[in-house]
Protein backbone atom coordinates (compact mmCIF):
# COMPACT_ATOMS: atom_id res chain seq x y z
CA MET A 1 47.33 -76.87 -76.80
CA ASP A 2 47.98 -79.00 -73.58
CA ARG A 3 46.55 -76.41 -70.78
CA ASN A 4 48.32 -78.36 -68.07
CA ASN A 5 51.81 -77.14 -69.53
CA GLN A 6 50.63 -73.85 -69.37
CA LEU A 7 49.53 -73.69 -65.49
CA PRO A 8 51.38 -71.80 -63.03
CA LYS A 9 53.37 -73.28 -60.33
CA LYS A 10 51.56 -74.89 -57.41
CA ARG A 11 53.25 -72.36 -55.00
CA GLU A 12 51.83 -69.60 -57.00
CA ILE A 13 48.23 -70.90 -57.03
CA ALA A 14 48.12 -71.71 -53.05
CA PRO A 15 49.12 -68.54 -51.39
CA ASP A 16 47.69 -69.91 -48.08
CA SER A 17 47.84 -73.48 -47.50
CA SER A 18 45.69 -73.23 -44.71
CA ASP A 19 42.53 -72.55 -47.40
CA ALA A 20 40.79 -74.80 -50.14
CA THR A 21 41.88 -73.55 -53.31
CA ILE A 22 40.88 -74.63 -56.75
CA LEU A 23 42.06 -73.11 -60.45
CA VAL A 24 39.52 -73.24 -63.50
CA ASP A 25 39.86 -72.32 -66.79
CA ARG A 26 37.33 -69.94 -68.51
CA PHE A 27 35.11 -72.66 -69.13
CA GLY A 28 34.73 -73.94 -65.49
CA VAL A 29 36.85 -77.06 -66.05
CA ILE A 30 38.89 -77.67 -62.74
CA SER A 31 42.68 -77.60 -63.81
CA TYR A 32 44.37 -77.74 -60.23
CA ALA A 33 42.64 -78.20 -56.37
CA ASN A 34 45.32 -78.51 -53.47
CA GLU A 35 44.78 -81.22 -50.81
CA GLN A 36 42.24 -78.95 -48.57
CA ALA A 37 39.74 -78.72 -51.55
CA GLN A 38 39.88 -82.15 -52.29
CA GLU A 39 39.11 -83.23 -48.75
CA GLN A 40 36.41 -80.40 -48.11
CA PHE A 41 34.24 -81.84 -51.24
CA GLY A 42 35.12 -85.59 -50.22
CA TYR A 43 37.51 -86.40 -53.12
CA ARG A 44 40.86 -88.10 -53.52
CA VAL A 45 43.88 -86.88 -54.64
CA ASN A 46 43.80 -85.56 -58.50
CA GLU A 47 40.08 -86.78 -58.72
CA LEU A 48 39.09 -83.25 -59.16
CA GLN A 49 41.07 -82.40 -61.99
CA GLY A 50 39.11 -82.21 -65.10
CA LYS A 51 35.67 -82.18 -63.31
CA SER A 52 33.38 -79.07 -63.92
CA LEU A 53 33.25 -76.84 -61.12
CA LYS A 54 29.13 -76.71 -61.36
CA GLU A 55 29.65 -80.12 -59.75
CA LEU A 56 31.06 -78.76 -56.87
CA LEU A 57 29.25 -75.26 -56.98
CA PRO A 58 25.96 -75.62 -58.80
CA GLU A 59 25.17 -71.61 -58.34
CA ILE A 60 28.54 -70.37 -59.35
CA THR A 61 28.65 -67.98 -62.36
CA LEU A 62 32.43 -67.41 -62.90
CA HIS A 63 31.64 -64.38 -65.27
CA GLU A 64 29.43 -62.52 -63.06
CA THR A 65 31.05 -62.79 -59.68
CA GLU A 66 32.80 -59.64 -58.61
CA GLU A 67 36.52 -60.27 -58.14
CA GLY A 68 37.67 -60.30 -54.30
CA LYS A 69 34.34 -60.24 -52.90
CA VAL A 70 33.53 -63.03 -50.53
CA VAL A 71 30.44 -64.96 -51.47
CA HIS A 72 28.22 -67.23 -49.58
CA GLN A 73 26.89 -70.18 -51.45
CA TYR A 74 25.93 -73.87 -51.15
CA GLY A 75 28.57 -76.35 -51.98
CA ARG A 76 27.73 -80.11 -53.08
CA HIS A 77 30.06 -83.05 -51.29
CA ARG A 78 31.00 -85.95 -53.18
CA ASN A 79 28.16 -87.85 -51.24
CA GLY A 80 25.82 -85.69 -52.32
CA GLN A 81 25.33 -83.71 -48.67
CA VAL A 82 24.82 -79.94 -49.32
CA PHE A 83 26.81 -77.45 -46.88
CA SER A 84 27.64 -73.85 -46.66
CA ILE A 85 30.81 -72.19 -48.01
CA PHE A 86 32.22 -69.00 -48.49
CA TYR A 87 34.56 -68.20 -51.07
CA ARG A 88 36.19 -65.39 -53.35
CA ILE A 89 37.11 -65.38 -56.87
CA ASN A 90 40.36 -63.46 -58.56
CA SER A 91 41.00 -63.91 -62.55
CA PHE A 92 44.55 -63.84 -64.08
CA MET A 93 45.71 -64.33 -67.77
CA GLN A 94 48.39 -66.87 -68.47
CA GLY A 95 49.18 -66.31 -71.83
CA GLU A 96 46.02 -65.54 -73.97
CA GLU A 97 44.16 -67.68 -71.49
CA THR A 98 42.15 -66.73 -68.56
CA TYR A 99 42.04 -68.76 -65.40
CA TYR A 100 40.14 -68.32 -62.31
CA LEU A 101 41.66 -68.73 -58.78
CA ILE A 102 38.75 -69.71 -56.26
CA VAL A 103 39.77 -69.71 -52.46
CA PHE A 104 37.04 -71.30 -50.15
CA HIS A 105 36.73 -70.43 -46.48
CA SER A 106 34.76 -73.19 -44.98
CA VAL A 107 32.16 -72.29 -42.07
CA LYS A 108 32.19 -74.84 -39.26
CA ASP A 109 29.94 -73.01 -36.38
CA ARG A 110 26.91 -73.28 -38.61
CA SER A 111 25.05 -71.54 -35.81
CA ARG A 112 26.22 -68.39 -36.95
CA LEU A 113 25.68 -68.51 -40.79
CA LYS A 114 22.66 -66.47 -40.48
CA LYS A 115 24.69 -63.58 -39.41
CA GLN A 116 27.62 -63.50 -41.74
CA GLN A 117 27.53 -60.94 -44.69
CA SER A 118 29.67 -60.52 -47.81
CA TYR A 119 32.46 -58.27 -47.79
CA SER A 120 34.78 -57.48 -50.45
CA LEU A 121 38.49 -58.09 -49.69
CA LYS A 122 39.33 -54.57 -49.57
CA GLU A 123 36.65 -54.09 -46.63
CA LEU A 124 38.02 -56.99 -44.83
CA VAL A 125 41.51 -55.93 -44.96
CA ASP A 126 40.31 -52.25 -43.79
CA LEU A 127 38.27 -53.86 -40.97
CA GLN A 128 41.27 -55.86 -39.87
CA PHE A 129 43.21 -52.68 -39.85
CA ALA A 130 40.69 -50.68 -37.90
CA LEU A 131 40.41 -53.73 -35.58
CA ASP A 132 44.37 -53.96 -35.04
CA GLU A 133 44.26 -50.19 -34.53
CA SER A 134 41.96 -49.87 -32.00
CA THR A 135 41.48 -53.26 -30.31
CA ILE A 136 43.81 -56.07 -28.45
CA VAL A 137 43.41 -59.06 -30.61
CA ALA A 138 44.59 -62.80 -30.02
CA PHE A 139 43.94 -66.25 -30.89
CA THR A 140 44.30 -69.52 -29.17
CA ASP A 141 44.00 -72.82 -29.68
CA LYS A 142 41.77 -75.22 -27.98
CA LYS A 143 44.01 -75.68 -25.14
CA GLY A 144 44.49 -72.06 -24.65
CA LYS A 145 47.77 -71.60 -26.14
CA ILE A 146 48.46 -68.36 -28.09
CA THR A 147 48.78 -68.63 -31.50
CA TYR A 148 48.49 -64.96 -32.67
CA VAL A 149 48.98 -61.50 -31.20
CA ASN A 150 48.23 -58.31 -32.95
CA GLU A 151 50.73 -55.37 -32.28
CA LYS A 152 48.17 -53.37 -29.76
CA PHE A 153 48.22 -56.80 -27.49
CA CYS A 154 52.15 -56.45 -27.76
CA GLU A 155 51.93 -52.74 -26.97
CA VAL A 156 49.60 -52.55 -23.79
CA SER A 157 51.20 -55.95 -22.29
CA LYS A 158 54.68 -54.89 -23.10
CA TYR A 159 55.92 -58.56 -24.36
CA SER A 160 56.89 -59.03 -27.70
CA ALA A 161 55.08 -61.26 -30.11
CA TYR A 162 57.71 -63.73 -29.93
CA GLU A 163 57.39 -64.03 -26.05
CA LEU A 164 53.54 -64.53 -26.15
CA VAL A 165 53.15 -66.91 -29.02
CA GLY A 166 53.04 -70.44 -27.65
CA LYS A 167 52.16 -69.34 -24.00
CA ASP A 168 48.88 -69.16 -22.53
CA HIS A 169 47.34 -66.19 -21.07
CA ARG A 170 48.92 -66.98 -17.53
CA ILE A 171 51.83 -64.87 -18.71
CA ILE A 172 49.69 -61.96 -18.08
CA ASN A 173 47.70 -62.96 -15.28
CA SER A 174 47.47 -60.40 -12.54
CA SER A 175 46.21 -62.68 -9.83
CA TYR A 176 43.40 -60.36 -9.23
CA HIS A 177 40.53 -62.82 -10.01
CA SER A 178 39.53 -65.87 -8.25
CA LYS A 179 39.86 -69.31 -9.34
CA ASP A 180 36.28 -69.57 -9.77
CA PHE A 181 36.09 -66.40 -12.13
CA MET A 182 38.57 -68.15 -14.41
CA GLN A 183 36.93 -71.59 -14.07
CA ASN A 184 33.35 -69.92 -15.23
CA LEU A 185 35.57 -68.19 -18.15
CA TRP A 186 36.81 -71.74 -19.61
CA GLU A 187 33.35 -73.35 -18.77
CA THR A 188 31.78 -71.04 -20.86
CA ILE A 189 33.74 -70.97 -23.91
CA SER A 190 34.62 -74.30 -23.73
CA SER A 191 30.77 -75.03 -24.31
CA GLY A 192 30.79 -72.99 -27.43
CA GLU A 193 29.25 -69.89 -25.75
CA VAL A 194 30.77 -66.58 -25.87
CA TRP A 195 32.22 -64.98 -22.57
CA ARG A 196 32.13 -61.32 -22.12
CA GLY A 197 33.68 -59.60 -18.90
CA GLU A 198 36.11 -57.28 -17.34
CA ILE A 199 40.04 -58.69 -16.50
CA LYS A 200 42.90 -57.08 -14.75
CA ASN A 201 45.98 -58.11 -16.42
CA LYS A 202 49.76 -57.47 -15.42
CA ALA A 203 52.41 -56.22 -17.95
CA LYS A 204 55.95 -57.63 -18.32
CA ASP A 205 57.14 -54.26 -16.52
CA GLY A 206 54.76 -55.27 -13.42
CA THR A 207 52.01 -52.55 -14.12
CA TYR A 208 48.52 -53.28 -14.14
CA TYR A 209 45.85 -52.69 -16.70
CA TRP A 210 42.06 -53.30 -17.05
CA VAL A 211 40.64 -55.11 -20.37
CA ASP A 212 36.94 -55.30 -21.46
CA THR A 213 37.13 -58.83 -22.83
CA THR A 214 34.68 -60.67 -25.51
CA ILE A 215 36.16 -64.41 -26.23
CA VAL A 216 34.57 -66.14 -29.25
CA PRO A 217 34.97 -69.91 -29.68
CA PHE A 218 35.38 -71.15 -33.27
CA ILE A 219 33.38 -74.30 -33.40
CA ASP A 220 34.25 -77.61 -35.82
CA ASP A 221 31.57 -79.91 -37.58
CA LYS A 222 31.20 -81.69 -34.11
CA GLY A 223 30.19 -78.57 -32.04
CA LYS A 224 33.52 -78.25 -30.33
CA PRO A 225 35.52 -75.17 -30.12
CA TYR A 226 39.07 -75.61 -32.18
CA LYS A 227 40.36 -72.09 -31.28
CA TYR A 228 39.28 -68.88 -29.46
CA LEU A 229 39.41 -65.16 -30.75
CA ALA A 230 40.09 -62.87 -27.89
CA ILE A 231 39.03 -58.90 -28.45
CA ARG A 232 39.92 -56.61 -25.84
CA ASN A 233 39.44 -52.87 -25.25
CA GLU A 234 41.78 -51.63 -22.39
CA ILE A 235 39.50 -49.55 -19.95
CA THR A 236 42.34 -48.89 -17.34
CA GLU A 237 41.45 -45.13 -17.16
CA TYR A 238 37.78 -46.03 -16.92
CA LYS A 239 38.41 -48.23 -14.09
CA ARG A 240 40.38 -45.80 -12.39
CA VAL A 241 37.50 -43.49 -12.86
CA VAL A 242 35.11 -45.84 -11.66
CA GLU A 243 37.02 -46.76 -8.56
CA GLU A 244 37.54 -43.18 -7.67
CA LEU A 245 33.85 -42.59 -8.02
CA LYS A 246 33.15 -45.57 -5.81
CA ASN A 247 35.45 -44.30 -3.22
CA SER A 248 33.63 -40.80 -3.79
CA VAL A 249 30.25 -42.11 -3.18
CA ASN A 250 31.43 -44.10 -0.27
CA GLU A 251 32.89 -41.10 1.28
CA LEU A 252 29.61 -39.30 0.32
CA ILE A 253 27.71 -42.05 1.95
CA ASP A 254 29.67 -41.72 5.19
CA LEU A 255 29.37 -37.83 5.16
CA LYS A 256 25.51 -38.01 4.72
CA PHE A 257 25.25 -40.36 7.51
CA ALA A 258 27.54 -38.11 9.87
CA LEU A 259 25.30 -35.33 8.60
CA ASP A 260 22.08 -36.65 9.15
CA ALA A 261 23.07 -38.17 12.77
CA SER A 262 24.28 -34.59 13.66
CA SER A 263 22.38 -31.67 11.36
CA ILE A 264 18.85 -31.10 10.49
CA VAL A 265 18.93 -31.27 6.51
CA ALA A 266 16.62 -30.29 4.05
CA ILE A 267 16.92 -30.00 0.10
CA THR A 268 14.55 -27.55 -1.82
CA ASP A 269 14.00 -26.79 -5.45
CA GLN A 270 15.02 -23.27 -7.08
CA LYS A 271 11.21 -22.22 -5.89
CA GLY A 272 11.68 -23.25 -2.17
CA THR A 273 9.44 -26.08 -2.43
CA ILE A 274 10.86 -28.78 -0.03
CA THR A 275 12.22 -32.18 -1.90
CA TYR A 276 14.30 -33.81 0.90
CA VAL A 277 14.60 -33.80 4.55
CA ASN A 278 16.03 -36.06 7.05
CA ASP A 279 15.08 -37.95 10.29
CA GLN A 280 16.34 -34.87 12.41
CA PHE A 281 14.36 -32.28 10.63
CA CYS A 282 10.94 -34.42 11.03
CA SER A 283 12.12 -35.05 14.90
CA ILE A 284 12.54 -31.33 15.63
CA SER A 285 9.86 -30.11 13.49
CA LYS A 286 7.50 -32.86 14.94
CA TYR A 287 6.06 -33.12 11.06
CA SER A 288 6.38 -35.88 9.16
CA ARG A 289 8.36 -36.51 6.06
CA GLU A 290 5.09 -36.78 3.98
CA GLU A 291 3.62 -33.83 5.58
CA LEU A 292 6.90 -31.56 4.67
CA LEU A 293 7.89 -32.70 1.21
CA GLY A 294 6.05 -30.56 -1.58
CA GLN A 295 5.70 -27.46 0.90
CA ASP A 296 8.15 -24.72 1.58
CA HIS A 297 9.49 -23.55 4.80
CA LYS A 298 6.44 -21.40 5.44
CA ILE A 299 5.31 -24.53 7.01
CA ILE A 300 7.25 -23.93 10.06
CA ASN A 301 7.58 -20.16 10.19
CA SER A 302 7.06 -18.68 13.47
CA GLY A 303 6.32 -15.08 12.66
CA TYR A 304 9.49 -14.00 14.72
CA HIS A 305 11.44 -12.43 11.35
CA SER A 306 10.64 -9.39 9.53
CA LYS A 307 9.70 -9.89 5.96
CA GLU A 308 13.00 -7.98 5.36
CA TYR A 309 14.99 -10.70 6.81
CA PHE A 310 13.50 -13.37 4.91
CA ARG A 311 13.94 -10.88 1.64
CA ASP A 312 17.62 -10.56 2.26
CA LEU A 313 17.98 -14.35 2.79
CA TRP A 314 16.34 -15.16 -0.62
CA LYS A 315 18.19 -12.46 -2.40
CA THR A 316 21.42 -13.89 -1.10
CA ILE A 317 20.88 -17.64 -2.26
CA SER A 318 19.59 -16.60 -5.32
CA SER A 319 22.62 -14.84 -6.59
CA GLY A 320 24.44 -18.08 -5.89
CA GLN A 321 25.84 -16.93 -2.32
CA VAL A 322 25.76 -19.08 0.80
CA TRP A 323 23.46 -17.69 3.46
CA LYS A 324 24.44 -17.92 7.26
CA GLY A 325 22.20 -16.97 10.16
CA GLU A 326 19.95 -17.85 12.92
CA ILE A 327 16.22 -18.56 12.46
CA LYS A 328 13.52 -18.84 15.01
CA ASN A 329 11.01 -21.54 13.86
CA ARG A 330 7.54 -22.85 14.84
CA ALA A 331 7.06 -26.97 15.15
CA LYS A 332 4.11 -28.41 14.38
CA ASP A 333 2.83 -28.71 18.39
CA GLY A 334 3.15 -24.84 18.45
CA THR A 335 6.38 -24.75 20.12
CA HIS A 336 9.13 -22.70 19.01
CA TYR A 337 12.92 -23.69 18.40
CA TRP A 338 16.03 -21.70 17.20
CA VAL A 339 18.20 -23.30 14.46
CA ASP A 340 21.98 -21.90 13.04
CA THR A 341 21.39 -22.22 9.62
CA THR A 342 23.50 -22.47 6.73
CA ILE A 343 21.94 -22.68 3.19
CA VAL A 344 24.23 -23.53 0.12
CA PRO A 345 22.89 -22.82 -3.58
CA PHE A 346 23.69 -25.89 -5.92
CA LEU A 347 24.31 -24.02 -9.39
CA ASN A 348 23.66 -25.18 -12.68
CA GLU A 349 25.87 -24.64 -15.86
CA LYS A 350 24.80 -21.21 -16.32
CA GLY A 351 25.68 -20.33 -12.84
CA LYS A 352 22.20 -20.33 -11.62
CA PRO A 353 20.68 -21.82 -8.40
CA TYR A 354 18.53 -25.07 -9.36
CA GLN A 355 18.27 -26.39 -5.50
CA HIS A 356 19.26 -25.55 -2.35
CA LEU A 357 20.65 -27.26 0.75
CA ALA A 358 19.95 -26.50 4.10
CA ILE A 359 22.04 -27.38 6.80
CA ARG A 360 20.73 -26.71 10.59
CA HIS A 361 21.99 -27.12 14.12
CA GLU A 362 19.39 -26.48 16.86
CA VAL A 363 20.67 -23.72 19.19
CA THR A 364 17.33 -23.24 21.31
CA GLN A 365 19.21 -23.73 24.84
CA ARG A 366 21.94 -21.07 23.89
CA LYS A 367 19.43 -18.50 22.39
CA ASN A 368 17.16 -19.12 25.54
CA ALA A 369 20.64 -18.69 27.88
CA GLU A 370 21.36 -15.61 25.47
CA GLU A 371 17.82 -13.98 26.28
CA GLU A 372 17.99 -14.65 30.06
CA LEU A 373 21.57 -13.08 30.09
CA GLN A 374 20.17 -10.12 28.03
CA LYS A 375 17.57 -9.48 30.58
CA MET A 376 19.70 -9.80 33.39
CA MET A 377 22.17 -7.50 31.70
CA THR A 378 19.46 -5.07 31.01
CA ARG A 379 18.22 -5.20 34.94
CA ILE A 380 22.01 -4.88 35.69
CA ILE A 381 22.36 -1.81 33.46
CA GLU A 382 19.32 -0.18 35.34
CA VAL A 383 20.48 -0.69 38.73
CA GLN A 384 23.91 0.20 37.44
CA GLU A 385 22.59 3.53 36.38
CA ASP A 386 20.49 3.97 39.36
CA GLU A 387 23.45 3.44 41.51
CA ARG A 388 25.86 6.00 39.36
CA LYS A 389 23.21 8.54 40.13
CA ARG A 390 23.46 8.00 43.78
CA LEU A 391 26.99 7.89 43.74
CA SER A 392 27.03 11.18 41.69
CA ARG A 393 24.92 13.07 43.90
CA GLU A 394 26.67 11.82 47.11
CA LEU A 395 29.93 12.47 45.24
CA HIS A 396 28.97 16.23 44.17
CA ASP A 397 26.30 16.97 47.21
CA GLY A 398 28.52 15.43 49.88
CA ILE A 399 32.25 14.89 49.62
CA GLY A 400 32.44 17.70 47.03
CA GLN A 401 30.70 20.19 49.12
CA ASN A 402 32.87 19.22 52.08
CA LEU A 403 36.19 19.28 49.92
CA TYR A 404 35.32 22.95 48.73
CA SER A 405 34.67 24.04 52.24
CA HIS A 406 38.45 22.64 53.19
CA LEU A 407 39.49 24.53 50.17
CA ILE A 408 38.01 27.77 51.59
CA THR A 409 39.34 27.43 54.83
CA ILE A 410 42.91 26.58 53.34
CA ASN A 411 42.55 29.83 51.30
CA ARG A 412 41.86 32.02 54.31
CA LEU A 413 44.60 30.74 56.13
CA GLN A 414 46.80 31.48 53.36
CA ALA A 415 45.52 35.02 53.45
CA GLU A 416 46.60 35.18 57.25
CA ILE A 417 49.90 33.05 57.21
CA SER A 418 52.33 31.55 54.55
CA HIS A 419 53.46 28.09 55.02
CA PRO A 420 54.59 25.65 52.58
CA LEU A 421 52.39 23.12 53.96
CA LEU A 422 49.20 25.04 53.10
CA ASP A 423 50.29 25.19 49.53
CA GLN A 424 50.76 21.65 49.09
CA MET A 425 47.28 20.71 50.81
CA GLN A 426 45.78 23.52 48.58
CA ASP A 427 47.26 21.74 45.37
CA GLU A 428 46.42 18.02 46.42
CA ALA A 429 42.70 19.32 47.37
CA ALA A 430 42.48 20.78 44.02
CA GLU A 431 43.62 17.58 42.28
CA VAL A 432 41.21 15.45 44.20
CA ILE A 433 38.28 17.69 43.62
CA GLU A 434 39.08 17.45 39.82
CA GLU A 435 39.46 13.89 39.85
CA LEU A 436 35.89 13.35 41.68
CA ARG A 437 34.50 15.85 39.18
CA ASP A 438 35.91 13.72 36.51
CA LEU A 439 34.38 10.68 37.99
CA SER A 440 31.30 12.23 38.92
CA TRP A 441 30.87 13.47 35.20
CA GLU A 442 31.44 10.19 33.90
CA LEU A 443 28.95 8.67 36.44
CA ARG A 444 26.34 11.23 36.02
CA PRO A 445 23.95 9.97 33.13
CA SER A 446 21.65 12.99 34.25
CA VAL A 447 24.01 15.04 32.01
CA LEU A 448 22.16 13.30 28.99
CA ASP A 449 18.88 14.81 30.26
CA ASP A 450 20.57 18.28 30.87
CA LEU A 451 22.55 18.53 27.75
CA GLY A 452 21.18 15.80 24.93
CA LEU A 453 23.20 13.03 23.77
CA ILE A 454 25.44 15.08 21.18
CA PRO A 455 26.50 17.89 23.64
CA ALA A 456 26.95 15.21 26.35
CA ILE A 457 29.46 13.37 24.09
CA ARG A 458 31.12 16.52 22.99
CA SER A 459 31.60 17.60 26.53
CA TYR A 460 32.85 14.15 27.36
CA LEU A 461 35.43 14.08 24.56
CA VAL A 462 36.76 17.38 25.25
CA ARG A 463 37.58 16.30 28.75
CA PHE A 464 38.87 13.03 27.74
CA SER A 465 41.22 14.72 25.14
CA GLU A 466 42.67 16.90 27.64
CA HIS A 467 43.16 14.58 30.45
CA HIS A 468 44.53 11.57 28.16
CA ASN A 469 46.23 13.53 25.30
CA ILE A 470 44.45 11.74 22.84
CA ASN A 471 42.91 13.76 20.07
CA VAL A 472 39.43 12.57 19.38
CA HIS A 473 37.81 13.98 16.22
CA PHE A 474 33.92 13.85 16.41
CA ASP A 475 31.79 13.90 13.27
CA CYS A 476 27.94 13.62 13.97
CA TYR A 477 24.82 13.99 12.20
CA LEU A 478 21.59 13.08 14.51
CA ALA A 479 18.56 14.54 13.37
CA THR A 480 16.10 13.12 16.39
CA ARG A 481 16.46 12.52 20.05
CA LEU A 482 16.29 8.69 20.97
CA SER A 483 15.06 7.07 23.99
CA SER A 484 17.05 7.35 26.95
CA ASN A 485 17.91 3.49 27.12
CA LYS A 486 19.28 3.99 23.33
CA GLU A 487 21.25 7.34 24.32
CA ILE A 488 22.68 5.77 27.47
CA THR A 489 23.72 2.83 25.38
CA ILE A 490 25.53 4.73 23.00
CA TYR A 491 26.93 7.09 25.55
CA ARG A 492 28.49 4.40 27.76
CA ILE A 493 29.88 2.35 24.42
CA ILE A 494 31.83 5.32 23.45
CA GLN A 495 33.06 5.87 26.92
CA GLU A 496 34.19 2.08 27.16
CA ALA A 497 35.73 2.07 23.72
CA LEU A 498 37.96 4.94 24.09
CA THR A 499 38.71 3.99 27.53
CA ASN A 500 40.22 0.72 25.74
CA ILE A 501 41.89 3.11 23.26
CA ARG A 502 43.77 4.79 25.97
CA LYS A 503 44.67 1.73 27.70
CA TYR A 504 45.99 -0.78 24.94
CA ALA A 505 45.94 1.42 21.23
CA GLU A 506 49.21 3.44 22.21
CA THR A 507 48.08 6.20 19.90
CA ASP A 508 47.51 9.91 20.35
CA GLU A 509 44.60 10.19 17.76
CA ALA A 510 41.03 8.75 17.66
CA ALA A 511 37.85 9.23 15.82
CA VAL A 512 33.78 9.08 16.67
CA THR A 513 31.58 9.34 13.64
CA ILE A 514 27.42 8.95 14.41
CA ARG A 515 25.36 8.69 11.48
CA GLN A 516 21.43 8.55 11.52
CA MET A 517 20.29 6.27 8.66
CA GLU A 518 16.99 5.25 7.18
CA GLU A 519 16.31 2.66 10.10
CA GLU A 520 19.22 2.74 12.20
CA ILE A 521 21.80 4.84 13.96
CA ARG A 522 25.21 3.84 13.13
CA ILE A 523 28.05 4.72 15.48
CA VAL A 524 31.91 4.24 14.50
CA ILE A 525 34.84 4.56 16.97
CA GLU A 526 38.28 4.01 15.31
CA ASP A 527 41.63 4.39 15.97
CA LYS A 528 44.97 3.94 14.06
CA GLY A 529 47.10 2.41 16.75
CA ILE A 530 48.88 -1.05 17.17
CA GLY A 531 45.62 -3.20 16.58
CA PHE A 532 45.25 -6.91 17.16
CA ASN A 533 44.46 -10.02 15.65
CA VAL A 534 40.68 -10.53 16.32
CA ASN A 535 40.79 -14.42 15.78
CA GLU A 536 43.50 -14.81 18.20
CA VAL A 537 42.61 -12.42 21.12
CA SER A 538 39.96 -13.41 23.56
CA ARG A 539 36.73 -11.33 24.33
CA GLY A 540 37.68 -8.95 27.62
CA VAL A 541 35.17 -8.00 30.06
CA GLY A 542 34.95 -4.58 28.33
CA LEU A 543 34.24 -5.84 24.81
CA PHE A 544 31.60 -8.42 26.77
CA SER A 545 30.20 -5.17 28.23
CA MET A 546 29.78 -3.44 25.12
CA GLU A 547 28.22 -6.21 23.36
CA GLU A 548 25.63 -6.91 26.13
CA ARG A 549 24.73 -3.16 26.06
CA ALA A 550 24.23 -3.50 22.16
CA LYS A 551 21.67 -6.37 22.55
CA ALA A 552 19.80 -4.86 25.37
CA ALA A 553 19.15 -2.04 23.20
CA GLY A 554 18.12 -4.06 20.31
CA GLY A 555 21.30 -3.51 18.39
CA SER A 556 24.76 -5.00 17.42
CA ILE A 557 28.29 -4.40 17.67
CA ASN A 558 31.32 -5.53 15.59
CA VAL A 559 34.82 -5.23 15.94
CA TYR A 560 37.41 -5.06 13.32
CA SER A 561 41.05 -5.13 14.00
CA ALA A 562 44.56 -6.08 12.27
CA GLU A 563 47.89 -5.86 13.71
CA ALA A 564 49.79 -2.12 13.04
CA LYS A 565 46.31 -1.15 11.34
CA GLY A 566 44.30 0.03 14.28
CA THR A 567 40.80 -1.04 15.41
CA ARG A 568 37.45 -0.09 14.32
CA ILE A 569 34.33 -0.50 16.48
CA VAL A 570 30.59 -0.40 14.73
CA LEU A 571 27.73 0.01 16.89
CA GLU A 572 24.28 -0.45 14.96
CA ILE A 573 21.03 1.02 17.11
CA PRO A 574 17.48 0.65 15.49
CA LEU A 575 15.50 3.61 15.29
């Protein structure tokens, strides 16, 4: 039987005309070889027909080779030269005869042979599918003309394959990169080297996208690229995030510069050990950075504050809360300085502090001025109290006695004669005496010595309620007598607070509460009047006077108010 008459048609055995293809029978005799195969092995037309496949592939074993698997062996050229080659074998039946179709894949870049592996045809198909699904792929010829693009390329660039094939990559050039950048790219791949980098491209609709790019040149026998494979991964979102991070970092650098230029900055770990200090910290503390790092803040402790003060500080920041306050520190040379301090805890994923940022501003001059003002206020209050006592005595002993004498005279005259003028004089004299008595009572601090703080307050509140039609509720628990200075402070602040209620609150109800705590006396004066916005209303003389009185007694005062909800003044005086 003539085998040639049983051969499949040529178009059926050469599915890919770009590949070298040979058809052999079960004995390994070549029945057909296409032009690429003849050229690859150095034979002319029809010279291979009838030859044994072993002349071309000495190591081949037709029956033992797995079908569809790409195999690497060495082929023999007609001139005797041995070269590396890849092929796959598929068998099929033609009648009762078995034939083997061998498709060759030549490797022109011999420098990469050692990196090649054998894959089954199915694996190669899966690899291509995975690549097309996840990666932007394009082939260009040696001049850079696009010969192939996958669907991912079209999807990202928004061009169709028809619009891209035959063009070069200038169709998606964003003009973002310099000519030197592109020139370096071409010089690299033209020399046969792989180029890697990030490129910003422009899609058909004008939007921009970034791709992480690898361009692999395919090398011919002469070591020259004959085409290029570009594999890209879109990284637009990644670049956006990186850009935002860069901007954030730049902002943080600017903030750090501004902070370092204006503030005293330190960072400590969760145990309070100093891990960072800026130049301002070193300058004011007079310690070097080396002397501070690894220490805790006891190194600048002045001993001014109580243990409870720092215990409260640590309790606050250990719970993840921000602490704010003023601290008196001691520099290396023994001098003292005050800092207005804010300590911010940094929290881990469990909500626990892992480090603390302390930002401080020196307020030594302000604190010194406040201290001088407080001393001055104390002296003024002392002088004021002495003057009040003197005026009280003069009013009571001098003017008051004279008015009483005149009133007695008027009464005697009324007994002898009846005249409307005498009645008017008697009423006016009584009013003047009553007003002077009120003024004398308010000026007379000796009432505290005579009656004690609580009876004196009760007496004052009764007179205040009667004269101003404001009902003041009084609730008090005080187990001990206080020093004269503290009792006067409490008494005067209650007077001033009620005076403000009378003037501004527009109410007929008020309340005064006094409680003795473990370590302090707490006094609350409140009303349900019109109130005010504490952030919009400036401090008046009355409030300033109350604050200074409180400071002079070692205490503090806070005012809470809201429009239409009344005002609450809280005075705290240490025992």
